[in-house]
Amino acid sequence: MQYNPNQNTNYSRFMQFEQNKNKPVQQLAKLATTVSSRCVNIDSRDRDRGLYPNSNKFQVQVNPDGSFEGAGLFTNFKNVKSIRIVEAILPAVAQTEAYIALVVPELHDTMVGTNDVLKKSFAILIPERTDAPGNFVHCKTKDMCNCFKKFDPPLANIRRFTFEFYGSDGILTDFGTDTSAPTAPDKTMQVMLILEIQTEDPNRTALNSRAVY
């Protein structure tokens, strides 16, 4: 194939064709995808407080139908490569625990542990210690090996997350019973999670790089 400047041909696409025409299929498969990152914010006050009166356990649905009541993420997560916790903010009572084991049943087999709760945990959250605690406590996650899950091959899609917070005694922590709607949620009993979700998306430019002009 030769580039003809007199034809209506995009030079960059021509160069992609030249670069990719002799590459093996496995390399082309990698070229045909790009990785994108989404920041996902989870606030326990949006949960169905009638079904989950305590924020120590609640569920978030992904793209729920119109009849769903509770916390929902109205988007799609397809071809998921990894999920990790960027930030975790828990009620101040969590500071009395040596650690909080976050279990997400949909994200099992993340780590190995010496008891059942640790074995099925998605992350271990270490509450930051302070001499003057307020209503909330931040949990350390930066650079920790136990706050993410990778999928190889990528996970086709995610439909829900169930968040369960266990103390070091293996029992669900007691963040306090929150009242159900229409009573306003008690802000001192809420959980905030910030997740980063990486997905693989088709790279249209790479997919078209072998087009014949």
N, C-alpha and C. Protein backbone atom coordinates (compact mmCIF):
# COMPACT_ATOMS: atom_id res chain seq x y z
N MET A 1 0.84 -1.19 0.00
CA MET A 1 0.00 0.00 0.00
C MET A 1 0.88 1.24 0.00
N GLN A 2 0.59 2.21 -0.87
CA GLN A 2 1.34 3.44 -0.94
C GLN A 2 0.41 4.63 -0.71
N TYR A 3 0.97 5.66 -0.09
CA TYR A 3 0.18 6.86 0.19
C TYR A 3 0.12 7.73 -1.04
N ASN A 4 -1.07 8.09 -1.46
CA ASN A 4 -1.26 8.95 -2.63
C ASN A 4 -1.85 10.28 -2.17
N PRO A 5 -1.05 11.35 -2.16
CA PRO A 5 -1.55 12.65 -1.67
C PRO A 5 -2.67 13.21 -2.51
N ASN A 6 -2.89 12.69 -3.71
CA ASN A 6 -3.97 13.18 -4.57
C ASN A 6 -5.31 12.56 -4.23
N GLN A 7 -5.28 11.52 -3.39
CA GLN A 7 -6.52 10.90 -2.97
C GLN A 7 -6.96 11.51 -1.65
N ASN A 8 -8.24 11.37 -1.36
CA ASN A 8 -8.78 11.89 -0.11
C ASN A 8 -8.46 10.92 1.02
N THR A 9 -7.19 10.91 1.43
CA THR A 9 -6.70 9.95 2.40
C THR A 9 -6.08 10.67 3.58
N ASN A 10 -6.46 10.28 4.79
CA ASN A 10 -5.88 10.89 5.99
C ASN A 10 -4.50 10.30 6.25
N TYR A 11 -3.49 11.16 6.30
CA TYR A 11 -2.12 10.67 6.40
C TYR A 11 -1.88 9.91 7.70
N SER A 12 -2.46 10.36 8.82
CA SER A 12 -2.24 9.68 10.10
C SER A 12 -2.81 8.27 10.06
N ARG A 13 -3.97 8.10 9.42
CA ARG A 13 -4.55 6.75 9.31
C ARG A 13 -3.69 5.87 8.41
N PHE A 14 -3.14 6.46 7.36
CA PHE A 14 -2.24 5.71 6.50
C PHE A 14 -1.04 5.20 7.30
N MET A 15 -0.47 6.07 8.16
CA MET A 15 0.68 5.67 8.95
C MET A 15 0.31 4.58 9.97
N GLN A 16 -0.90 4.66 10.54
CA GLN A 16 -1.34 3.61 11.45
C GLN A 16 -1.44 2.28 10.72
N PHE A 17 -1.94 2.32 9.50
CA PHE A 17 -2.03 1.10 8.70
C PHE A 17 -0.63 0.51 8.49
N GLU A 18 0.31 1.36 8.15
CA GLU A 18 1.67 0.90 7.89
C GLU A 18 2.31 0.32 9.15
N GLN A 19 2.03 0.93 10.30
CA GLN A 19 2.63 0.47 11.55
C GLN A 19 2.01 -0.83 12.05
N ASN A 20 0.73 -1.06 11.74
CA ASN A 20 0.01 -2.19 12.32
C ASN A 20 -0.16 -3.39 11.39
N LYS A 21 0.13 -3.23 10.11
CA LYS A 21 -0.24 -4.27 9.16
C LYS A 21 0.48 -5.59 9.40
N ASN A 22 1.68 -5.55 10.00
CA ASN A 22 2.42 -6.79 10.22
C ASN A 22 2.44 -7.24 11.67
N LYS A 23 1.67 -6.58 12.52
CA LYS A 23 1.65 -6.94 13.93
C LYS A 23 0.76 -8.15 14.17
N PRO A 24 1.13 -9.03 15.12
CA PRO A 24 0.31 -10.19 15.42
C PRO A 24 -1.03 -9.78 16.03
N VAL A 25 -1.98 -10.72 16.00
CA VAL A 25 -3.34 -10.45 16.47
C VAL A 25 -3.36 -10.00 17.92
N GLN A 26 -2.53 -10.61 18.80
CA GLN A 26 -2.54 -10.26 20.22
C GLN A 26 -2.16 -8.80 20.42
N GLN A 27 -1.17 -8.32 19.68
CA GLN A 27 -0.78 -6.92 19.80
C GLN A 27 -1.88 -6.00 19.31
N LEU A 28 -2.55 -6.39 18.24
CA LEU A 28 -3.63 -5.58 17.70
C LEU A 28 -4.80 -5.50 18.67
N ALA A 29 -5.05 -6.60 19.39
CA ALA A 29 -6.14 -6.61 20.37
C ALA A 29 -5.90 -5.58 21.46
N LYS A 30 -4.62 -5.44 21.87
CA LYS A 30 -4.29 -4.44 22.88
C LYS A 30 -4.41 -3.04 22.31
N LEU A 31 -4.02 -2.87 21.06
CA LEU A 31 -4.13 -1.56 20.43
C LEU A 31 -5.58 -1.13 20.25
N ALA A 32 -6.47 -2.11 20.16
CA ALA A 32 -7.87 -1.82 19.86
C ALA A 32 -8.68 -1.42 21.08
N THR A 33 -8.04 -1.25 22.24
CA THR A 33 -8.75 -0.82 23.43
C THR A 33 -7.99 0.31 24.13
N THR A 34 -8.75 1.15 24.80
CA THR A 34 -8.16 2.18 25.64
C THR A 34 -8.76 2.04 27.03
N VAL A 35 -8.00 2.45 28.05
CA VAL A 35 -8.45 2.35 29.43
C VAL A 35 -8.92 3.72 29.90
N SER A 36 -10.12 3.76 30.48
CA SER A 36 -10.64 5.01 31.02
C SER A 36 -10.97 4.82 32.49
N SER A 37 -10.92 5.92 33.25
CA SER A 37 -11.14 5.90 34.69
C SER A 37 -12.38 6.71 35.02
N ARG A 38 -13.19 6.17 35.95
CA ARG A 38 -14.37 6.89 36.44
C ARG A 38 -14.28 7.01 37.95
N CYS A 39 -14.58 8.19 38.46
CA CYS A 39 -14.65 8.40 39.91
C CYS A 39 -16.09 8.18 40.34
N VAL A 40 -16.29 7.28 41.29
CA VAL A 40 -17.64 6.90 41.73
C VAL A 40 -17.79 7.24 43.22
N ASN A 41 -18.80 8.05 43.54
CA ASN A 41 -19.03 8.51 44.91
C ASN A 41 -20.25 7.81 45.50
N ILE A 42 -20.06 7.18 46.64
CA ILE A 42 -21.13 6.44 47.32
C ILE A 42 -21.43 7.12 48.66
N ASP A 43 -22.67 7.55 48.86
CA ASP A 43 -23.10 8.19 50.11
C ASP A 43 -24.22 7.36 50.71
N SER A 44 -24.02 6.88 51.94
CA SER A 44 -24.98 5.97 52.55
C SER A 44 -26.33 6.62 52.83
N ARG A 45 -26.40 7.93 52.87
CA ARG A 45 -27.69 8.57 53.15
C ARG A 45 -28.67 8.39 51.99
N ASP A 46 -28.16 7.98 50.82
CA ASP A 46 -29.03 7.75 49.65
C ASP A 46 -29.60 6.34 49.63
N ARG A 47 -29.20 5.50 50.58
CA ARG A 47 -29.67 4.11 50.60
C ARG A 47 -31.15 4.06 50.97
N ASP A 48 -31.75 2.90 50.81
CA ASP A 48 -33.12 2.64 51.28
C ASP A 48 -33.03 2.45 52.79
N ARG A 49 -33.31 3.50 53.56
CA ARG A 49 -33.14 3.43 55.01
C ARG A 49 -34.19 2.58 55.70
N GLY A 50 -35.29 2.30 55.00
CA GLY A 50 -36.26 1.36 55.55
C GLY A 50 -35.73 -0.06 55.52
N LEU A 51 -35.02 -0.40 54.44
CA LEU A 51 -34.45 -1.74 54.29
C LEU A 51 -33.11 -1.86 55.01
N TYR A 52 -32.35 -0.77 55.03
CA TYR A 52 -31.03 -0.76 55.67
C TYR A 52 -30.97 0.39 56.69
N PRO A 53 -31.55 0.20 57.88
CA PRO A 53 -31.59 1.28 58.88
C PRO A 53 -30.22 1.65 59.42
N ASN A 54 -29.25 0.74 59.34
CA ASN A 54 -27.90 1.01 59.82
C ASN A 54 -26.97 1.06 58.61
N SER A 55 -26.13 2.08 58.54
CA SER A 55 -25.26 2.24 57.37
C SER A 55 -24.09 1.25 57.36
N ASN A 56 -24.09 0.29 58.31
CA ASN A 56 -23.05 -0.74 58.32
C ASN A 56 -23.24 -1.76 57.20
N LYS A 57 -24.41 -1.71 56.55
CA LYS A 57 -24.68 -2.60 55.41
C LYS A 57 -25.75 -1.97 54.54
N PHE A 58 -25.44 -1.83 53.25
CA PHE A 58 -26.45 -1.31 52.31
C PHE A 58 -26.03 -1.66 50.89
N GLN A 59 -26.99 -1.54 49.98
CA GLN A 59 -26.74 -1.93 48.59
C GLN A 59 -26.93 -0.74 47.65
N VAL A 60 -26.10 -0.72 46.62
CA VAL A 60 -26.18 0.28 45.56
C VAL A 60 -26.41 -0.46 44.24
N GLN A 61 -27.44 -0.08 43.51
CA GLN A 61 -27.75 -0.70 42.23
C GLN A 61 -27.15 0.13 41.09
N VAL A 62 -26.69 -0.55 40.05
CA VAL A 62 -26.17 0.11 38.86
C VAL A 62 -27.23 0.07 37.78
N ASN A 63 -27.60 1.25 37.29
CA ASN A 63 -28.66 1.39 36.29
C ASN A 63 -29.95 0.68 36.70
N PRO A 64 -30.50 1.00 37.87
CA PRO A 64 -31.73 0.35 38.30
C PRO A 64 -32.93 0.82 37.48
N ASP A 65 -34.01 0.02 37.52
CA ASP A 65 -35.22 0.44 36.80
C ASP A 65 -35.98 1.48 37.61
N GLY A 66 -37.06 1.98 37.04
CA GLY A 66 -37.80 3.07 37.65
C GLY A 66 -38.47 2.73 38.96
N SER A 67 -38.64 1.45 39.26
CA SER A 67 -39.32 1.05 40.49
C SER A 67 -38.36 0.95 41.68
N PHE A 68 -37.05 1.07 41.42
CA PHE A 68 -36.08 0.90 42.48
C PHE A 68 -36.07 2.09 43.42
N GLU A 69 -36.02 1.81 44.73
CA GLU A 69 -35.90 2.85 45.74
C GLU A 69 -34.61 2.63 46.52
N GLY A 70 -33.76 3.61 46.51
CA GLY A 70 -32.48 3.48 47.21
C GLY A 70 -31.37 4.12 46.42
N ALA A 71 -30.13 3.77 46.78
CA ALA A 71 -28.95 4.35 46.14
C ALA A 71 -28.75 3.72 44.76
N GLY A 72 -28.63 4.55 43.74
CA GLY A 72 -28.43 4.05 42.39
C GLY A 72 -27.35 4.81 41.65
N LEU A 73 -26.63 4.10 40.79
CA LEU A 73 -25.64 4.70 39.90
C LEU A 73 -26.18 4.58 38.49
N PHE A 74 -26.58 5.71 37.93
CA PHE A 74 -27.25 5.68 36.64
C PHE A 74 -26.23 5.83 35.51
N THR A 75 -25.51 4.76 35.30
CA THR A 75 -24.49 4.69 34.27
C THR A 75 -24.20 3.22 34.00
N ASN A 76 -23.31 2.95 33.06
CA ASN A 76 -22.91 1.58 32.76
C ASN A 76 -21.42 1.39 33.06
N PHE A 77 -21.09 0.23 33.60
CA PHE A 77 -19.69 -0.14 33.79
C PHE A 77 -19.47 -1.47 33.05
N LYS A 78 -18.88 -1.39 31.87
CA LYS A 78 -18.64 -2.57 31.05
C LYS A 78 -17.15 -2.77 30.85
N ASN A 79 -16.75 -4.04 30.74
CA ASN A 79 -15.34 -4.40 30.55
C ASN A 79 -14.47 -3.76 31.63
N VAL A 80 -14.82 -4.10 32.88
CA VAL A 80 -14.15 -3.49 34.04
C VAL A 80 -12.80 -4.16 34.26
N LYS A 81 -11.74 -3.34 34.29
CA LYS A 81 -10.39 -3.84 34.52
C LYS A 81 -10.02 -3.86 36.00
N SER A 82 -10.45 -2.84 36.74
CA SER A 82 -10.10 -2.79 38.16
C SER A 82 -11.04 -1.86 38.91
N ILE A 83 -11.14 -2.12 40.22
CA ILE A 83 -11.92 -1.27 41.13
C ILE A 83 -11.06 -1.06 42.37
N ARG A 84 -10.91 0.18 42.79
CA ARG A 84 -10.15 0.43 44.01
C ARG A 84 -10.81 1.53 44.83
N ILE A 85 -10.53 1.53 46.12
CA ILE A 85 -11.02 2.56 47.02
C ILE A 85 -9.99 3.70 47.08
N VAL A 86 -10.46 4.90 46.81
CA VAL A 86 -9.60 6.08 46.89
C VAL A 86 -9.72 6.71 48.27
N GLU A 87 -10.93 6.75 48.80
CA GLU A 87 -11.18 7.39 50.09
C GLU A 87 -12.34 6.70 50.79
N ALA A 88 -12.24 6.60 52.11
CA ALA A 88 -13.33 6.04 52.92
C ALA A 88 -13.50 6.92 54.16
N ILE A 89 -14.72 7.40 54.37
CA ILE A 89 -15.05 8.22 55.53
C ILE A 89 -16.17 7.51 56.29
N LEU A 90 -15.92 7.20 57.56
CA LEU A 90 -16.86 6.44 58.38
C LEU A 90 -17.27 7.25 59.61
N PRO A 91 -18.37 6.87 60.26
CA PRO A 91 -18.75 7.53 61.51
C PRO A 91 -17.63 7.40 62.55
N ALA A 92 -17.56 8.35 63.47
CA ALA A 92 -16.47 8.42 64.44
C ALA A 92 -16.33 7.16 65.28
N VAL A 93 -17.43 6.42 65.46
CA VAL A 93 -17.38 5.21 66.28
C VAL A 93 -16.39 4.19 65.70
N ALA A 94 -16.10 4.29 64.41
CA ALA A 94 -15.16 3.36 63.77
C ALA A 94 -13.76 3.50 64.35
N GLN A 95 -13.47 4.64 64.99
CA GLN A 95 -12.15 4.86 65.54
C GLN A 95 -11.86 3.94 66.73
N THR A 96 -12.89 3.33 67.29
CA THR A 96 -12.70 2.40 68.40
C THR A 96 -12.25 1.02 67.91
N GLU A 97 -12.25 0.83 66.58
CA GLU A 97 -11.85 -0.45 66.00
C GLU A 97 -10.40 -0.40 65.55
N ALA A 98 -9.69 -1.51 65.70
CA ALA A 98 -8.32 -1.60 65.18
C ALA A 98 -8.32 -1.49 63.66
N TYR A 99 -9.34 -2.07 63.05
CA TYR A 99 -9.52 -1.98 61.60
C TYR A 99 -10.97 -2.29 61.28
N ILE A 100 -11.37 -1.91 60.10
CA ILE A 100 -12.71 -2.22 59.58
C ILE A 100 -12.51 -3.07 58.33
N ALA A 101 -13.14 -4.23 58.30
CA ALA A 101 -13.09 -5.10 57.12
C ALA A 101 -14.30 -4.78 56.24
N LEU A 102 -14.03 -4.28 55.06
CA LEU A 102 -15.10 -3.97 54.11
C LEU A 102 -15.32 -5.17 53.21
N VAL A 103 -16.50 -5.75 53.31
CA VAL A 103 -16.87 -6.90 52.49
C VAL A 103 -17.82 -6.43 51.39
N VAL A 104 -17.50 -6.77 50.15
CA VAL A 104 -18.38 -6.50 49.01
C VAL A 104 -18.58 -7.84 48.32
N PRO A 105 -19.70 -8.54 48.58
CA PRO A 105 -19.88 -9.90 48.03
C PRO A 105 -19.68 -9.98 46.53
N GLU A 106 -20.00 -8.92 45.81
CA GLU A 106 -19.83 -8.94 44.35
C GLU A 106 -18.36 -8.89 43.95
N LEU A 107 -17.48 -8.56 44.90
CA LEU A 107 -16.04 -8.46 44.61
C LEU A 107 -15.27 -9.40 45.53
N HIS A 108 -15.63 -10.68 45.50
CA HIS A 108 -15.00 -11.65 46.39
C HIS A 108 -13.65 -12.11 45.84
N ASP A 109 -12.97 -12.95 46.62
CA ASP A 109 -11.67 -13.51 46.23
C ASP A 109 -10.62 -12.42 45.99
N THR A 110 -10.66 -11.37 46.81
CA THR A 110 -9.68 -10.31 46.67
C THR A 110 -8.41 -10.60 47.45
N MET A 111 -8.55 -11.21 48.64
CA MET A 111 -7.38 -11.41 49.49
C MET A 111 -7.46 -12.73 50.23
N VAL A 112 -6.39 -13.04 50.93
CA VAL A 112 -6.30 -14.23 51.76
C VAL A 112 -6.23 -13.77 53.20
N GLY A 113 -6.90 -14.48 54.12
CA GLY A 113 -6.89 -14.08 55.52
C GLY A 113 -7.01 -15.27 56.44
N THR A 114 -6.84 -15.03 57.73
CA THR A 114 -6.83 -16.10 58.71
C THR A 114 -8.21 -16.40 59.29
N ASN A 115 -9.24 -15.63 58.90
CA ASN A 115 -10.59 -15.95 59.32
C ASN A 115 -11.56 -15.65 58.18
N ASP A 116 -12.81 -16.05 58.35
CA ASP A 116 -13.78 -15.97 57.25
C ASP A 116 -14.03 -14.54 56.79
N VAL A 117 -14.11 -13.58 57.72
CA VAL A 117 -14.36 -12.20 57.33
C VAL A 117 -13.19 -11.65 56.53
N LEU A 118 -11.96 -11.89 56.99
CA LEU A 118 -10.79 -11.40 56.26
C LEU A 118 -10.68 -12.05 54.89
N LYS A 119 -11.03 -13.33 54.80
CA LYS A 119 -10.93 -14.03 53.52
C LYS A 119 -11.86 -13.44 52.47
N LYS A 120 -13.04 -12.99 52.89
CA LYS A 120 -14.01 -12.49 51.92
C LYS A 120 -14.00 -10.96 51.81
N SER A 121 -13.05 -10.30 52.48
CA SER A 121 -12.99 -8.84 52.45
C SER A 121 -12.53 -8.31 51.10
N PHE A 122 -13.06 -7.17 50.74
CA PHE A 122 -12.59 -6.44 49.56
C PHE A 122 -11.47 -5.49 49.96
N ALA A 123 -11.53 -4.93 51.17
CA ALA A 123 -10.52 -3.99 51.64
C ALA A 123 -10.46 -3.99 53.15
N ILE A 124 -9.29 -3.69 53.68
CA ILE A 124 -9.11 -3.47 55.11
C ILE A 124 -8.89 -1.97 55.31
N LEU A 125 -9.77 -1.33 56.09
CA LEU A 125 -9.72 0.11 56.32
C LEU A 125 -9.14 0.38 57.70
N ILE A 126 -8.10 1.19 57.75
CA ILE A 126 -7.44 1.52 59.01
C ILE A 126 -7.85 2.94 59.42
N PRO A 127 -8.68 3.09 60.47
CA PRO A 127 -9.11 4.43 60.90
C PRO A 127 -7.93 5.27 61.37
N GLU A 128 -7.90 6.51 60.95
CA GLU A 128 -6.85 7.43 61.40
C GLU A 128 -7.12 7.82 62.85
N ARG A 129 -6.07 7.84 63.64
CA ARG A 129 -6.20 8.17 65.06
C ARG A 129 -6.03 9.67 65.27
N THR A 130 -6.85 10.23 66.14
CA THR A 130 -6.75 11.65 66.47
C THR A 130 -7.12 11.87 67.92
N ASP A 131 -6.50 12.85 68.55
CA ASP A 131 -6.78 13.15 69.95
C ASP A 131 -8.10 13.90 70.13
N ALA A 132 -8.60 14.48 69.05
CA ALA A 132 -9.85 15.24 69.14
C ALA A 132 -10.80 14.78 68.04
N PRO A 133 -11.37 13.59 68.19
CA PRO A 133 -12.25 13.06 67.14
C PRO A 133 -13.52 13.89 66.97
N GLY A 134 -13.96 14.02 65.72
CA GLY A 134 -15.22 14.71 65.45
C GLY A 134 -16.31 13.70 65.18
N ASN A 135 -17.18 14.01 64.24
CA ASN A 135 -18.28 13.10 63.90
C ASN A 135 -17.86 12.01 62.93
N PHE A 136 -16.71 12.18 62.28
CA PHE A 136 -16.30 11.26 61.24
C PHE A 136 -14.82 10.91 61.38
N VAL A 137 -14.44 9.82 60.72
CA VAL A 137 -13.04 9.39 60.73
C VAL A 137 -12.65 8.97 59.32
N HIS A 138 -11.50 9.45 58.86
CA HIS A 138 -10.95 9.03 57.57
C HIS A 138 -10.21 7.71 57.76
N CYS A 139 -10.23 6.90 56.71
CA CYS A 139 -9.54 5.61 56.77
C CYS A 139 -8.42 5.58 55.75
N LYS A 140 -7.27 5.07 56.15
CA LYS A 140 -6.11 5.01 55.27
C LYS A 140 -6.32 3.98 54.17
N THR A 141 -6.06 4.40 52.94
CA THR A 141 -6.12 3.46 51.81
C THR A 141 -4.96 3.67 50.85
N LYS A 142 -4.29 4.83 50.90
CA LYS A 142 -3.25 5.15 49.92
C LYS A 142 -2.10 4.15 49.97
N ASP A 143 -1.75 3.65 48.78
CA ASP A 143 -0.60 2.75 48.60
C ASP A 143 -0.76 1.42 49.33
N MET A 144 -1.97 1.08 49.74
CA MET A 144 -2.18 -0.21 50.40
C MET A 144 -2.47 -1.28 49.36
N CYS A 145 -2.02 -2.48 49.63
CA CYS A 145 -2.16 -3.56 48.65
C CYS A 145 -3.55 -4.20 48.70
N ASN A 146 -4.35 -3.84 49.68
CA ASN A 146 -5.59 -4.59 49.92
C ASN A 146 -6.84 -3.74 49.75
N CYS A 147 -6.79 -2.79 48.85
CA CYS A 147 -7.96 -1.93 48.64
C CYS A 147 -8.36 -1.87 47.18
N PHE A 148 -8.08 -2.92 46.41
CA PHE A 148 -8.47 -2.91 45.02
C PHE A 148 -8.65 -4.35 44.52
N LYS A 149 -9.31 -4.46 43.38
CA LYS A 149 -9.46 -5.76 42.73
C LYS A 149 -9.26 -5.57 41.24
N LYS A 150 -8.46 -6.47 40.64
CA LYS A 150 -8.22 -6.44 39.20
C LYS A 150 -8.95 -7.60 38.54
N PHE A 151 -9.36 -7.39 37.31
CA PHE A 151 -10.07 -8.42 36.56
C PHE A 151 -9.31 -8.70 35.27
N ASP A 152 -8.92 -9.95 35.07
CA ASP A 152 -8.21 -10.37 33.88
C ASP A 152 -8.71 -11.76 33.49
N PRO A 153 -9.55 -11.85 32.48
CA PRO A 153 -9.99 -10.79 31.57
C PRO A 153 -10.95 -9.81 32.25
N PRO A 154 -11.22 -8.67 31.62
CA PRO A 154 -12.11 -7.68 32.22
C PRO A 154 -13.50 -8.26 32.52
N LEU A 155 -14.11 -7.75 33.59
CA LEU A 155 -15.46 -8.15 33.97
C LEU A 155 -16.45 -7.51 33.01
N ALA A 156 -17.36 -8.31 32.46
CA ALA A 156 -18.27 -7.82 31.42
C ALA A 156 -19.08 -6.62 31.89
N ASN A 157 -19.65 -6.70 33.09
CA ASN A 157 -20.40 -5.56 33.63
C ASN A 157 -20.61 -5.74 35.13
N ILE A 158 -21.05 -4.68 35.77
CA ILE A 158 -21.37 -4.70 37.20
C ILE A 158 -22.80 -4.22 37.36
N ARG A 159 -23.60 -4.95 38.13
CA ARG A 159 -25.00 -4.60 38.30
C ARG A 159 -25.31 -4.05 39.69
N ARG A 160 -24.47 -4.37 40.68
CA ARG A 160 -24.75 -3.89 42.04
C ARG A 160 -23.49 -3.98 42.89
N PHE A 161 -23.49 -3.21 43.97
CA PHE A 161 -22.49 -3.30 45.02
C PHE A 161 -23.22 -3.43 46.35
N THR A 162 -22.80 -4.37 47.19
CA THR A 162 -23.31 -4.47 48.55
C THR A 162 -22.14 -4.20 49.49
N PHE A 163 -22.27 -3.17 50.31
CA PHE A 163 -21.19 -2.78 51.21
C PHE A 163 -21.51 -3.22 52.63
N GLU A 164 -20.60 -4.00 53.23
CA GLU A 164 -20.76 -4.50 54.59
C GLU A 164 -19.49 -4.17 55.38
N PHE A 165 -19.65 -3.55 56.55
CA PHE A 165 -18.51 -3.10 57.35
C PHE A 165 -18.43 -3.91 58.65
N TYR A 166 -17.36 -4.70 58.80
CA TYR A 166 -17.18 -5.56 59.95
C TYR A 166 -16.05 -5.05 60.83
N GLY A 167 -16.25 -5.14 62.16
CA GLY A 167 -15.19 -4.80 63.09
C GLY A 167 -14.18 -5.92 63.20
N SER A 168 -13.13 -5.70 63.98
CA SER A 168 -12.08 -6.71 64.12
C SER A 168 -12.57 -7.95 64.85
N ASP A 169 -13.76 -7.88 65.47
CA ASP A 169 -14.34 -9.06 66.12
C ASP A 169 -15.16 -9.91 65.16
N GLY A 170 -15.21 -9.49 63.89
CA GLY A 170 -15.94 -10.26 62.88
C GLY A 170 -17.42 -10.01 62.88
N ILE A 171 -17.88 -8.99 63.61
CA ILE A 171 -19.31 -8.66 63.71
C ILE A 171 -19.55 -7.34 62.99
N LEU A 172 -20.72 -7.22 62.34
CA LEU A 172 -21.06 -5.96 61.69
C LEU A 172 -20.94 -4.81 62.69
N THR A 173 -20.25 -3.77 62.28
CA THR A 173 -20.10 -2.62 63.17
C THR A 173 -21.44 -1.94 63.39
N ASP A 174 -21.59 -1.27 64.52
CA ASP A 174 -22.83 -0.55 64.83
C ASP A 174 -22.58 0.94 64.64
N PHE A 175 -22.96 1.46 63.48
CA PHE A 175 -22.82 2.89 63.22
C PHE A 175 -24.01 3.68 63.74
N GLY A 176 -24.98 2.98 64.30
CA GLY A 176 -26.19 3.64 64.80
C GLY A 176 -27.35 3.47 63.85
N THR A 177 -28.54 3.31 64.38
CA THR A 177 -29.74 3.12 63.56
C THR A 177 -30.25 4.46 63.07
N ASP A 178 -30.30 4.61 61.78
CA ASP A 178 -30.77 5.83 61.15
C ASP A 178 -32.28 5.73 60.92
N THR A 179 -32.97 6.84 60.98
CA THR A 179 -34.41 6.81 60.76
C THR A 179 -34.72 6.78 59.28
N SER A 180 -35.87 6.23 58.92
CA SER A 180 -36.25 6.14 57.52
C SER A 180 -36.99 7.39 57.08
N ALA A 181 -37.10 7.56 55.77
CA ALA A 181 -37.79 8.73 55.20
C ALA A 181 -39.23 8.79 55.73
N PRO A 182 -39.80 9.99 55.92
CA PRO A 182 -39.29 11.30 55.47
C PRO A 182 -38.37 11.99 56.47
N THR A 183 -38.06 11.34 57.60
CA THR A 183 -37.15 11.96 58.56
C THR A 183 -35.77 12.10 57.94
N ALA A 184 -35.16 13.24 58.13
CA ALA A 184 -33.84 13.49 57.55
C ALA A 184 -32.81 12.53 58.12
N PRO A 185 -31.87 12.06 57.31
CA PRO A 185 -30.84 11.15 57.82
C PRO A 185 -29.92 11.84 58.82
N ASP A 186 -29.45 11.07 59.80
CA ASP A 186 -28.52 11.59 60.79
C ASP A 186 -27.13 11.60 60.18
N LYS A 187 -26.57 12.80 60.00
CA LYS A 187 -25.29 12.92 59.28
C LYS A 187 -24.13 12.25 60.03
N THR A 188 -24.26 12.06 61.33
CA THR A 188 -23.16 11.47 62.10
C THR A 188 -23.08 9.95 61.94
N MET A 189 -24.04 9.37 61.24
CA MET A 189 -24.08 7.91 61.09
C MET A 189 -23.81 7.46 59.66
N GLN A 190 -23.31 8.35 58.83
CA GLN A 190 -23.21 8.05 57.40
C GLN A 190 -21.81 7.60 56.98
N VAL A 191 -21.79 6.90 55.86
CA VAL A 191 -20.57 6.38 55.24
C VAL A 191 -20.39 7.06 53.89
N MET A 192 -19.17 7.43 53.58
CA MET A 192 -18.84 7.98 52.26
C MET A 192 -17.68 7.19 51.68
N LEU A 193 -17.87 6.68 50.47
CA LEU A 193 -16.82 5.93 49.78
C LEU A 193 -16.57 6.57 48.42
N ILE A 194 -15.31 6.71 48.07
CA ILE A 194 -14.94 7.17 46.74
C ILE A 194 -14.17 6.05 46.07
N LEU A 195 -14.68 5.57 44.94
CA LEU A 195 -14.07 4.47 44.21
C LEU A 195 -13.52 4.97 42.87
N GLU A 196 -12.51 4.30 42.39
CA GLU A 196 -12.04 4.51 41.02
C GLU A 196 -12.29 3.21 40.26
N ILE A 197 -13.04 3.31 39.18
CA ILE A 197 -13.34 2.14 38.35
C ILE A 197 -12.71 2.35 36.97
N GLN A 198 -11.85 1.42 36.58
CA GLN A 198 -11.21 1.48 35.27
C GLN A 198 -11.88 0.49 34.33
N THR A 199 -12.19 0.96 33.13
CA THR A 199 -12.83 0.11 32.12
C THR A 199 -12.03 0.15 30.83
N GLU A 200 -12.20 -0.90 30.04
CA GLU A 200 -11.61 -0.96 28.70
C GLU A 200 -12.66 -0.55 27.69
N ASP A 201 -12.32 0.39 26.84
CA ASP A 201 -13.24 0.87 25.82
C ASP A 201 -12.64 0.64 24.44
N PRO A 202 -13.48 0.42 23.43
CA PRO A 202 -12.95 0.23 22.07
C PRO A 202 -12.22 1.47 21.59
N ASN A 203 -11.08 1.26 21.00
CA ASN A 203 -10.30 2.35 20.39
C ASN A 203 -10.62 2.35 18.90
N ARG A 204 -11.57 3.21 18.51
CA ARG A 204 -12.04 3.20 17.13
C ARG A 204 -10.91 3.50 16.14
N THR A 205 -9.99 4.37 16.54
CA THR A 205 -8.89 4.70 15.63
C THR A 205 -8.04 3.47 15.35
N ALA A 206 -7.74 2.71 16.43
CA ALA A 206 -6.93 1.50 16.24
C ALA A 206 -7.70 0.44 15.46
N LEU A 207 -9.00 0.33 15.75
CA LEU A 207 -9.79 -0.67 15.05
C LEU A 207 -9.84 -0.39 13.54
N ASN A 208 -9.80 0.89 13.20
CA ASN A 208 -9.89 1.26 11.78
C ASN A 208 -8.54 1.39 11.11
N SER A 209 -7.46 1.10 11.85
CA SER A 209 -6.13 1.36 11.32
C SER A 209 -5.75 0.40 10.20
N ARG A 210 -6.51 -0.67 10.05
CA ARG A 210 -6.22 -1.59 8.94
C ARG A 210 -7.20 -1.40 7.78
N ALA A 211 -7.93 -0.31 7.83
CA ALA A 211 -8.88 -0.06 6.74
C ALA A 211 -8.15 0.09 5.42
N VAL A 212 -8.79 -0.34 4.37
CA VAL A 212 -8.20 -0.23 3.04
C VAL A 212 -8.71 1.05 2.40
N TYR A 213 -7.82 1.89 1.91
CA TYR A 213 -8.21 3.17 1.33
C TYR A 213 -8.34 3.03 -0.17
